[in-house]
Amino acid sequence: MRDAKAPNADRDWHPIARRLWDSLKTSGQADFYQNSDWAFAYSLCEDLSYYKKASKRSGQMLQTIYSAFERLLVAEGDRRRVRIELTEPEPEVQSAAVLAIADYRKDLGLADEGCAGG
């Protein structure tokens, strides 16, 4: 997987489009987004902003925008539909004994040596 960077939101976007964009950047699925996903999301936020600022709104346009966001698996229901569940990583926990031995080795100046030896 290649590194991807989300561009900055457009300052002129409607506040709801900006909020959605900001939430995308901090959501779990963002770890899997590639540059093309970010470009697509940016375009959709641009469309959403245009829609929200319009004096006359089309229900069909809103449905089209929301359907496109489904392709990015933005909502939990979209991810469930394709059987993707975002979970918190398990914390790496070492037993108290292992930590105590490591501290003891460090105090003896043995921290950089391997465990084998005498």
Protein backbone atom coordinates (compact mmCIF):
# COMPACT_ATOMS: atom_id res chain seq x y z
CA MET A 1 0.00 0.00 0.00
CA ARG A 2 1.32 3.43 -0.88
CA ASP A 3 1.34 6.41 1.43
CA ALA A 4 -1.55 8.74 0.76
CA LYS A 5 -2.14 12.26 1.99
CA ALA A 6 -5.49 13.93 2.28
CA PRO A 7 -5.55 17.45 0.84
CA ASN A 8 -6.82 20.35 2.91
CA ALA A 9 -10.51 21.16 2.78
CA ASP A 10 -11.64 24.07 0.65
CA ARG A 11 -12.23 27.09 2.91
CA ASP A 12 -15.32 28.02 0.89
CA TRP A 13 -17.11 24.72 1.47
CA HIS A 14 -20.39 24.62 3.36
CA PRO A 15 -19.74 23.87 7.08
CA ILE A 16 -21.40 20.45 6.78
CA ALA A 17 -19.12 19.46 3.90
CA ARG A 18 -16.08 20.64 5.89
CA ARG A 19 -17.20 18.69 8.94
CA LEU A 20 -17.66 15.55 6.88
CA TRP A 21 -14.22 16.04 5.29
CA ASP A 22 -12.57 16.54 8.67
CA SER A 23 -14.27 13.43 10.03
CA LEU A 24 -13.04 11.37 7.07
CA LYS A 25 -9.47 12.34 7.88
CA THR A 26 -9.74 11.04 11.45
CA SER A 27 -11.89 7.96 10.84
CA GLY A 28 -10.49 4.44 10.86
CA GLN A 29 -11.12 3.78 7.20
CA ALA A 30 -8.77 6.67 6.34
CA ASP A 31 -5.88 4.29 7.08
CA PHE A 32 -6.83 2.43 3.91
CA TYR A 33 -7.59 5.38 1.62
CA GLN A 34 -5.30 5.93 -1.33
CA ASN A 35 -4.79 9.20 -3.20
CA SER A 36 -7.59 8.32 -5.62
CA ASP A 37 -9.97 7.78 -2.67
CA TRP A 38 -9.05 11.18 -1.24
CA ALA A 39 -9.55 12.81 -4.63
CA PHE A 40 -12.95 11.16 -4.95
CA ALA A 41 -13.93 12.20 -1.40
CA TYR A 42 -12.77 15.75 -2.13
CA SER A 43 -14.93 15.88 -5.24
CA LEU A 44 -17.93 14.57 -3.29
CA CYS A 45 -17.46 17.17 -0.55
CA GLU A 46 -17.30 19.83 -3.26
CA ASP A 47 -20.60 18.50 -4.66
CA LEU A 48 -22.14 18.32 -1.18
CA SER A 49 -21.08 21.90 -0.48
CA TYR A 50 -22.61 23.07 -3.75
CA TYR A 51 -25.82 21.20 -2.91
CA LYS A 52 -26.03 22.62 0.63
CA LYS A 53 -25.47 26.19 -0.60
CA ALA A 54 -28.03 25.95 -3.42
CA SER A 55 -31.28 27.86 -3.01
CA LYS A 56 -33.15 25.08 -4.79
CA ARG A 57 -32.17 21.52 -3.89
CA SER A 58 -32.77 18.31 -5.79
CA GLY A 59 -33.53 15.18 -3.83
CA GLN A 60 -32.05 13.14 -6.67
CA MET A 61 -28.77 15.05 -6.45
CA LEU A 62 -28.54 14.43 -2.70
CA GLN A 63 -29.26 10.73 -3.19
CA THR A 64 -26.55 10.54 -5.84
CA ILE A 65 -24.02 12.21 -3.52
CA TYR A 66 -24.92 9.91 -0.61
CA SER A 67 -24.70 6.85 -2.86
CA ALA A 68 -21.22 7.90 -3.92
CA PHE A 69 -20.15 8.25 -0.29
CA GLU A 70 -21.28 4.64 0.24
CA ARG A 71 -18.54 3.58 -2.18
CA LEU A 72 -15.99 5.10 0.21
CA LEU A 73 -17.52 3.10 3.10
CA VAL A 74 -18.05 6.31 5.05
CA ALA A 75 -20.86 5.08 7.32
CA GLU A 76 -20.74 2.07 9.61
CA GLY A 77 -23.73 0.53 7.82
CA ASP A 78 -21.84 0.70 4.51
CA ARG A 79 -18.88 -1.11 6.06
CA ARG A 80 -21.12 -3.77 7.64
CA ARG A 81 -22.75 -4.43 4.29
CA VAL A 82 -19.36 -5.41 2.86
CA ARG A 83 -18.37 -7.15 6.11
CA ILE A 84 -15.67 -4.72 7.19
CA GLU A 85 -15.49 -3.87 10.86
CA LEU A 86 -13.08 -1.30 12.23
CA THR A 87 -11.74 -2.24 15.63
CA GLU A 88 -9.39 -0.64 18.09
CA PRO A 89 -5.94 -2.24 18.01
CA GLU A 90 -5.23 -4.50 20.95
CA PRO A 91 -2.82 -2.82 23.34
CA GLU A 92 0.54 -4.53 23.56
CA VAL A 93 0.71 -5.70 27.13
CA GLN A 94 3.70 -7.35 28.72
CA SER A 95 3.40 -9.28 31.93
CA ALA A 96 4.61 -7.69 35.15
CA ALA A 97 7.31 -10.38 35.40
CA VAL A 98 8.72 -9.57 31.96
CA LEU A 99 8.76 -5.85 32.77
CA ALA A 100 10.43 -6.49 36.14
CA ILE A 101 13.14 -8.62 34.52
CA ALA A 102 13.73 -5.96 31.85
CA ASP A 103 14.06 -3.28 34.56
CA TYR A 104 16.41 -5.50 36.56
CA ARG A 105 18.57 -6.13 33.47
CA LYS A 106 18.65 -2.40 32.76
CA ASP A 107 19.73 -1.64 36.35
CA LEU A 108 22.58 -4.17 35.95
CA GLY A 109 23.64 -2.60 32.66
CA LEU A 110 22.60 -5.66 30.69
CA ALA A 111 19.79 -4.01 28.70
CA ASP A 112 21.66 -4.15 25.37
CA GLU A 113 22.78 -7.76 25.69
CA GLY A 114 20.75 -10.75 24.61
CA CYS A 115 19.00 -13.01 27.12
CA ALA A 116 21.37 -15.94 26.47
CA GLY A 117 24.69 -15.98 28.18
CA GLY A 118 25.89 -15.97 31.61
